[in-house]
Amino acid sequence: MDLGGPQVLKDRVALVSGAESGIGAACAIALAKAGASVAILYFSDSDLANETVKRAGARALAFACDVDRKSVV
């Protein structure tokens, strides 16, 4: 996924749910490569989420979050 250049999202923050694998992980990595700081939300697999963080780079952090529960969002 090309978002238009390596710093097109500099100084922006992206929050991606389901980012521990699949489409969510691919989006989180692409957003980070475009310069965004990325919050990677995962439901249960912290190992996969941390792997996505490594692939996304230094401007990414993983957070456990069940987006179906209003009290934690």
PDB file of N, CA and C in Angstrom:
ATOM      1  N   MET A   1       0.845  -1.172   0.000  1.00  0.00           N
ATOM      2  CA  MET A   1       0.000   0.000   0.000  1.00  0.00           C
ATOM      3  C   MET A   1       0.891   1.236   0.000  1.00  0.00           C
ATOM      4  N   ASP A   2       0.713   2.103  -0.977  1.00  0.00           N
ATOM      5  CA  ASP A   2       1.495   3.333  -1.083  1.00  0.00           C
ATOM      6  C   ASP A   2       0.603   4.516  -0.706  1.00  0.00           C
ATOM      7  N   LEU A   3       1.021   5.264   0.301  1.00  0.00           N
ATOM      8  CA  LEU A   3       0.226   6.399   0.760  1.00  0.00           C
ATOM      9  C   LEU A   3       0.774   7.735   0.286  1.00  0.00           C
ATOM     10  N   GLY A   4       1.684   7.725  -0.683  1.00  0.00           N
ATOM     11  CA  GLY A   4       2.130   8.959  -1.294  1.00  0.00           C
ATOM     12  C   GLY A   4       3.494   9.453  -0.892  1.00  0.00           C
ATOM     13  N   GLY A   5       4.267   8.702  -0.172  1.00  0.00           N
ATOM     14  CA  GLY A   5       5.611   9.127   0.187  1.00  0.00           C
ATOM     15  C   GLY A   5       5.946   8.805   1.622  1.00  0.00           C
ATOM     16  N   PRO A   6       7.234   8.838   1.941  1.00  0.00           N
ATOM     17  CA  PRO A   6       7.664   8.389   3.262  1.00  0.00           C
ATOM     18  C   PRO A   6       7.273   9.302   4.421  1.00  0.00           C
ATOM     19  N   GLN A   7       6.944  10.554   4.176  1.00  0.00           N
ATOM     20  CA  GLN A   7       6.607  11.458   5.284  1.00  0.00           C
ATOM     21  C   GLN A   7       5.284  12.198   5.079  1.00  0.00           C
ATOM     22  N   VAL A   8       4.430  11.684   4.226  1.00  0.00           N
ATOM     23  CA  VAL A   8       3.163  12.346   3.933  1.00  0.00           C
ATOM     24  C   VAL A   8       2.267  12.438   5.181  1.00  0.00           C
ATOM     25  N   LEU A   9       2.459  11.548   6.154  1.00  0.00           N
ATOM     26  CA  LEU A   9       1.655  11.562   7.373  1.00  0.00           C
ATOM     27  C   LEU A   9       2.453  11.984   8.608  1.00  0.00           C
ATOM     28  N   LYS A  10       3.559  12.685   8.376  1.00  0.00           N
ATOM     29  CA  LYS A  10       4.388  13.165   9.494  1.00  0.00           C
ATOM     30  C   LYS A  10       3.539  14.030  10.421  1.00  0.00           C
ATOM     31  N   ASP A  11       3.761  13.868  11.722  1.00  0.00           N
ATOM     32  CA  ASP A  11       3.032  14.601  12.759  1.00  0.00           C
ATOM     33  C   ASP A  11       1.561  14.208  12.861  1.00  0.00           C
ATOM     34  N   ARG A  12       1.196  13.075  12.302  1.00  0.00           N
ATOM     35  CA  ARG A  12      -0.171  12.545  12.414  1.00  0.00           C
ATOM     36  C   ARG A  12      -0.132  11.290  13.271  1.00  0.00           C
ATOM     37  N   VAL A  13      -1.264  10.969  13.879  1.00  0.00           N
ATOM     38  CA  VAL A  13      -1.382   9.763  14.692  1.00  0.00           C
ATOM     39  C   VAL A  13      -2.500   8.908  14.117  1.00  0.00           C
ATOM     40  N   ALA A  14      -2.221   7.619  13.949  1.00  0.00           N
ATOM     41  CA  ALA A  14      -3.217   6.678  13.450  1.00  0.00           C
ATOM     42  C   ALA A  14      -3.495   5.631  14.522  1.00  0.00           C
ATOM     43  N   LEU A  15      -4.745   5.285  14.684  1.00  0.00           N
ATOM     44  CA  LEU A  15      -5.171   4.248  15.603  1.00  0.00           C
ATOM     45  C   LEU A  15      -5.766   3.146  14.751  1.00  0.00           C
ATOM     46  N   VAL A  16      -5.193   1.946  14.818  1.00  0.00           N
ATOM     47  CA  VAL A  16      -5.645   0.842  13.973  1.00  0.00           C
ATOM     48  C   VAL A  16      -6.069  -0.325  14.853  1.00  0.00           C
ATOM     49  N   SER A  17      -7.361  -0.672  14.810  1.00  0.00           N
ATOM     50  CA  SER A  17      -7.834  -1.822  15.580  1.00  0.00           C
ATOM     51  C   SER A  17      -7.647  -3.097  14.763  1.00  0.00           C
ATOM     52  N   GLY A  18      -7.472  -4.203  15.452  1.00  0.00           N
ATOM     53  CA  GLY A  18      -7.239  -5.473  14.771  1.00  0.00           C
ATOM     54  C   GLY A  18      -5.908  -5.507  14.058  1.00  0.00           C
ATOM     55  N   ALA A  19      -4.949  -4.748  14.569  1.00  0.00           N
ATOM     56  CA  ALA A  19      -3.684  -4.560  13.863  1.00  0.00           C
ATOM     57  C   ALA A  19      -2.640  -5.615  14.177  1.00  0.00           C
ATOM     58  N   GLU A  20      -3.012  -6.658  14.932  1.00  0.00           N
ATOM     59  CA  GLU A  20      -2.024  -7.680  15.226  1.00  0.00           C
ATOM     60  C   GLU A  20      -1.772  -8.615  14.044  1.00  0.00           C
ATOM     61  N   SER A  21      -2.671  -8.618  13.065  1.00  0.00           N
ATOM     62  CA  SER A  21      -2.472  -9.503  11.911  1.00  0.00           C
ATOM     63  C   SER A  21      -3.315  -9.033  10.726  1.00  0.00           C
ATOM     64  N   GLY A  22      -3.086  -9.646   9.601  1.00  0.00           N
ATOM     65  CA  GLY A  22      -3.903  -9.438   8.416  1.00  0.00           C
ATOM     66  C   GLY A  22      -3.936  -8.009   7.900  1.00  0.00           C
ATOM     67  N   ILE A  23      -5.121  -7.591   7.481  1.00  0.00           N
ATOM     68  CA  ILE A  23      -5.298  -6.266   6.897  1.00  0.00           C
ATOM     69  C   ILE A  23      -4.939  -5.167   7.895  1.00  0.00           C
ATOM     70  N   GLY A  24      -5.314  -5.342   9.155  1.00  0.00           N
ATOM     71  CA  GLY A  24      -4.991  -4.344  10.175  1.00  0.00           C
ATOM     72  C   GLY A  24      -3.495  -4.145  10.317  1.00  0.00           C
ATOM     73  N   ALA A  25      -2.741  -5.233  10.341  1.00  0.00           N
ATOM     74  CA  ALA A  25      -1.281  -5.135  10.447  1.00  0.00           C
ATOM     75  C   ALA A  25      -0.701  -4.450   9.214  1.00  0.00           C
ATOM     76  N   ALA A  26      -1.182  -4.812   8.042  1.00  0.00           N
ATOM     77  CA  ALA A  26      -0.690  -4.198   6.809  1.00  0.00           C
ATOM     78  C   ALA A  26      -0.968  -2.698   6.803  1.00  0.00           C
ATOM     79  N   CYS A  27      -2.146  -2.298   7.261  1.00  0.00           N
ATOM     80  CA  CYS A  27      -2.477  -0.871   7.329  1.00  0.00           C
ATOM     81  C   CYS A  27      -1.578  -0.148   8.327  1.00  0.00           C
ATOM     82  N   ALA A  28      -1.375  -0.746   9.500  1.00  0.00           N
ATOM     83  CA  ALA A  28      -0.529  -0.119  10.523  1.00  0.00           C
ATOM     84  C   ALA A  28       0.893   0.086  10.009  1.00  0.00           C
ATOM     85  N   ILE A  29       1.431  -0.900   9.333  1.00  0.00           N
ATOM     86  CA  ILE A  29       2.791  -0.816   8.797  1.00  0.00           C
ATOM     87  C   ILE A  29       2.873   0.253   7.708  1.00  0.00           C
ATOM     88  N   ALA A  30       1.879   0.287   6.821  1.00  0.00           N
ATOM     89  CA  ALA A  30       1.863   1.289   5.746  1.00  0.00           C
ATOM     90  C   ALA A  30       1.742   2.699   6.318  1.00  0.00           C
ATOM     91  N   LEU A  31       0.908   2.880   7.325  1.00  0.00           N
ATOM     92  CA  LEU A  31       0.755   4.194   7.952  1.00  0.00           C
ATOM     93  C   LEU A  31       2.056   4.640   8.615  1.00  0.00           C
ATOM     94  N   ALA A  32       2.737   3.712   9.287  1.00  0.00           N
ATOM     95  CA  ALA A  32       4.019   4.039   9.919  1.00  0.00           C
ATOM     96  C   ALA A  32       5.066   4.405   8.874  1.00  0.00           C
ATOM     97  N   LYS A  33       5.104   3.667   7.776  1.00  0.00           N
ATOM     98  CA  LYS A  33       6.069   3.967   6.714  1.00  0.00           C
ATOM     99  C   LYS A  33       5.799   5.317   6.062  1.00  0.00           C
ATOM    100  N   ALA A  34       4.532   5.765   6.141  1.00  0.00           N
ATOM    101  CA  ALA A  34       4.168   7.071   5.588  1.00  0.00           C
ATOM    102  C   ALA A  34       4.411   8.188   6.597  1.00  0.00           C
ATOM    103  N   GLY A  35       4.972   7.851   7.762  1.00  0.00           N
ATOM    104  CA  GLY A  35       5.369   8.858   8.724  1.00  0.00           C
ATOM    105  C   GLY A  35       4.483   9.025   9.944  1.00  0.00           C
ATOM    106  N   ALA A  36       3.365   8.324   9.996  1.00  0.00           N
ATOM    107  CA  ALA A  36       2.452   8.459  11.134  1.00  0.00           C
ATOM    108  C   ALA A  36       2.988   7.723  12.360  1.00  0.00           C
ATOM    109  N   SER A  37       2.629   8.225  13.534  1.00  0.00           N
ATOM    110  CA  SER A  37       2.792   7.458  14.763  1.00  0.00           C
ATOM    111  C   SER A  37       1.568   6.553  14.836  1.00  0.00           C
ATOM    112  N   VAL A  38       1.762   5.284  15.172  1.00  0.00           N
ATOM    113  CA  VAL A  38       0.664   4.325  15.078  1.00  0.00           C
ATOM    114  C   VAL A  38       0.402   3.639  16.415  1.00  0.00           C
ATOM    115  N   ALA A  39      -0.857   3.672  16.838  1.00  0.00           N
ATOM    116  CA  ALA A  39      -1.313   2.895  17.988  1.00  0.00           C
ATOM    117  C   ALA A  39      -1.922   1.612  17.436  1.00  0.00           C
ATOM    118  N   ILE A  40      -1.303   0.494  17.757  1.00  0.00           N
ATOM    119  CA  ILE A  40      -1.736  -0.809  17.271  1.00  0.00           C
ATOM    120  C   ILE A  40      -2.606  -1.445  18.350  1.00  0.00           C
ATOM    121  N   LEU A  41      -3.902  -1.562  18.077  1.00  0.00           N
ATOM    122  CA  LEU A  41      -4.828  -2.155  19.034  1.00  0.00           C
ATOM    123  C   LEU A  41      -5.011  -3.629  18.718  1.00  0.00           C
ATOM    124  N   TYR A  42      -4.965  -4.442  19.769  1.00  0.00           N
ATOM    125  CA  TYR A  42      -5.165  -5.876  19.577  1.00  0.00           C
ATOM    126  C   TYR A  42      -6.113  -6.396  20.642  1.00  0.00           C
ATOM    127  N   PHE A  43      -6.772  -7.502  20.328  1.00  0.00           N
ATOM    128  CA  PHE A  43      -7.737  -8.078  21.250  1.00  0.00           C
ATOM    129  C   PHE A  43      -7.088  -9.079  22.197  1.00  0.00           C
ATOM    130  N   SER A  44      -6.298 -10.017  21.664  1.00  0.00           N
ATOM    131  CA  SER A  44      -5.788 -11.066  22.548  1.00  0.00           C
ATOM    132  C   SER A  44      -4.366 -11.524  22.276  1.00  0.00           C
ATOM    133  N   ASP A  45      -3.824 -11.279  21.112  1.00  0.00           N
ATOM    134  CA  ASP A  45      -2.517 -11.844  20.776  1.00  0.00           C
ATOM    135  C   ASP A  45      -1.404 -10.799  20.852  1.00  0.00           C
ATOM    136  N   SER A  46      -0.850 -10.622  22.041  1.00  0.00           N
ATOM    137  CA  SER A  46       0.186  -9.612  22.237  1.00  0.00           C
ATOM    138  C   SER A  46       1.456  -9.932  21.461  1.00  0.00           C
ATOM    139  N   ASP A  47       1.761 -11.220  21.265  1.00  0.00           N
ATOM    140  CA  ASP A  47       2.963 -11.580  20.501  1.00  0.00           C
ATOM    141  C   ASP A  47       2.859 -11.099  19.056  1.00  0.00           C
ATOM    142  N   LEU A  48       1.712 -11.332  18.423  1.00  0.00           N
ATOM    143  CA  LEU A  48       1.516 -10.856  17.047  1.00  0.00           C
ATOM    144  C   LEU A  48       1.518  -9.335  16.997  1.00  0.00           C
ATOM    145  N   ALA A  49       0.893  -8.706  17.979  1.00  0.00           N
ATOM    146  CA  ALA A  49       0.861  -7.243  18.022  1.00  0.00           C
ATOM    147  C   ALA A  49       2.271  -6.680  18.150  1.00  0.00           C
ATOM    148  N   ASN A  50       3.090  -7.277  18.997  1.00  0.00           N
ATOM    149  CA  ASN A  50       4.468  -6.813  19.159  1.00  0.00           C
ATOM    150  C   ASN A  50       5.294  -7.048  17.901  1.00  0.00           C
ATOM    151  N   GLU A  51       4.999  -8.104  17.167  1.00  0.00           N
ATOM    152  CA  GLU A  51       5.670  -8.338  15.884  1.00  0.00           C
ATOM    153  C   GLU A  51       5.291  -7.238  14.893  1.00  0.00           C
ATOM    154  N   THR A  52       4.026  -6.836  14.877  1.00  0.00           N
ATOM    155  CA  THR A  52       3.594  -5.739  14.012  1.00  0.00           C
ATOM    156  C   THR A  52       4.309  -4.450  14.403  1.00  0.00           C
ATOM    157  N   VAL A  53       4.465  -4.201  15.704  1.00  0.00           N
ATOM    158  CA  VAL A  53       5.193  -3.028  16.177  1.00  0.00           C
ATOM    159  C   VAL A  53       6.615  -3.038  15.632  1.00  0.00           C
ATOM    160  N   LYS A  54       7.281  -4.180  15.704  1.00  0.00           N
ATOM    161  CA  LYS A  54       8.650  -4.284  15.190  1.00  0.00           C
ATOM    162  C   LYS A  54       8.700  -3.984  13.702  1.00  0.00           C
ATOM    163  N   ARG A  55       7.731  -4.504  12.965  1.00  0.00           N
ATOM    164  CA  ARG A  55       7.710  -4.287  11.520  1.00  0.00           C
ATOM    165  C   ARG A  55       7.354  -2.848  11.168  1.00  0.00           C
ATOM    166  N   ALA A  56       6.539  -2.209  12.008  1.00  0.00           N
ATOM    167  CA  ALA A  56       6.122  -0.832  11.736  1.00  0.00           C
ATOM    168  C   ALA A  56       7.225   0.168  12.060  1.00  0.00           C
ATOM    169  N   GLY A  57       8.064  -0.137  13.037  1.00  0.00           N
ATOM    170  CA  GLY A  57       9.159   0.755  13.373  1.00  0.00           C
ATOM    171  C   GLY A  57       8.985   1.436  14.711  1.00  0.00           C
ATOM    172  N   ALA A  58       9.856   2.376  14.959  1.00  0.00           N
ATOM    173  CA  ALA A  58       9.968   3.008  16.272  1.00  0.00           C
ATOM    174  C   ALA A  58       8.764   3.857  16.657  1.00  0.00           C
ATOM    175  N   ARG A  59       7.965   4.264  15.712  1.00  0.00           N
ATOM    176  CA  ARG A  59       6.838   5.149  16.018  1.00  0.00           C
ATOM    177  C   ARG A  59       5.530   4.384  16.146  1.00  0.00           C
ATOM    178  N   ALA A  60       5.589   3.187  16.733  1.00  0.00           N
ATOM    179  CA  ALA A  60       4.396   2.371  16.918  1.00  0.00           C
ATOM    180  C   ALA A  60       4.401   1.755  18.310  1.00  0.00           C
ATOM    181  N   LEU A  61       3.224   1.663  18.895  1.00  0.00           N
ATOM    182  CA  LEU A  61       3.041   1.030  20.197  1.00  0.00           C
ATOM    183  C   LEU A  61       1.808   0.140  20.136  1.00  0.00           C
ATOM    184  N   ALA A  62       1.831  -0.969  20.886  1.00  0.00           N
ATOM    185  CA  ALA A  62       0.697  -1.889  20.938  1.00  0.00           C
ATOM    186  C   ALA A  62      -0.087  -1.695  22.234  1.00  0.00           C
ATOM    187  N   PHE A  63      -1.408  -1.778  22.111  1.00  0.00           N
ATOM    188  CA  PHE A  63      -2.303  -1.649  23.257  1.00  0.00           C
ATOM    189  C   PHE A  63      -3.379  -2.724  23.187  1.00  0.00           C
ATOM    190  N   ALA A  64      -3.604  -3.432  24.303  1.00  0.00           N
ATOM    191  CA  ALA A  64      -4.714  -4.386  24.372  1.00  0.00           C
ATOM    192  C   ALA A  64      -6.008  -3.592  24.473  1.00  0.00           C
ATOM    193  N   CYS A  65      -6.969  -3.924  23.634  1.00  0.00           N
ATOM    194  CA  CYS A  65      -8.229  -3.173  23.636  1.00  0.00           C
ATOM    195  C   CYS A  65      -9.323  -4.006  22.964  1.00  0.00           C
ATOM    196  N   ASP A  66     -10.448  -4.136  23.652  1.00  0.00           N
ATOM    197  CA  ASP A  66     -11.624  -4.773  23.074  1.00  0.00           C
ATOM    198  C   ASP A  66     -12.566  -3.656  22.638  1.00  0.00           C
ATOM    199  N   VAL A  67     -12.555  -3.315  21.371  1.00  0.00           N
ATOM    200  CA  VAL A  67     -13.331  -2.173  20.882  1.00  0.00           C
ATOM    201  C   VAL A  67     -14.844  -2.405  20.965  1.00  0.00           C
ATOM    202  N   ASP A  68     -15.264  -3.626  21.273  1.00  0.00           N
ATOM    203  CA  ASP A  68     -16.693  -3.894  21.473  1.00  0.00           C
ATOM    204  C   ASP A  68     -17.170  -3.402  22.839  1.00  0.00           C
ATOM    205  N   ARG A  69     -16.266  -3.091  23.736  1.00  0.00           N
ATOM    206  CA  ARG A  69     -16.626  -2.650  25.093  1.00  0.00           C
ATOM    207  C   ARG A  69     -16.421  -1.140  25.227  1.00  0.00           C
ATOM    208  N   LYS A  70     -17.510  -0.400  25.349  1.00  0.00           N
ATOM    209  CA  LYS A  70     -17.433   1.065  25.464  1.00  0.00           C
ATOM    210  C   LYS A  70     -16.554   1.505  26.621  1.00  0.00           C
ATOM    211  N   SER A  71     -16.549   0.751  27.690  1.00  0.00           N
ATOM    212  CA  SER A  71     -15.801   1.171  28.891  1.00  0.00           C
ATOM    213  C   SER A  71     -14.296   1.188  28.699  1.00  0.00           C
ATOM    214  N   VAL A  72     -13.784   0.514  27.682  1.00  0.00           N
ATOM    215  CA  VAL A  72     -12.331   0.495  27.469  1.00  0.00           C
ATOM    216  C   VAL A  72     -11.878   1.307  26.260  1.00  0.00           C
ATOM    217  N   VAL A  73     -12.820   1.846  25.540  1.00  0.00           N
ATOM    218  CA  VAL A  73     -12.467   2.608  24.341  1.00  0.00           C
ATOM    219  C   VAL A  73     -12.389   4.085  24.655  1.00  0.00           C
TER     220      VAL A  73
END
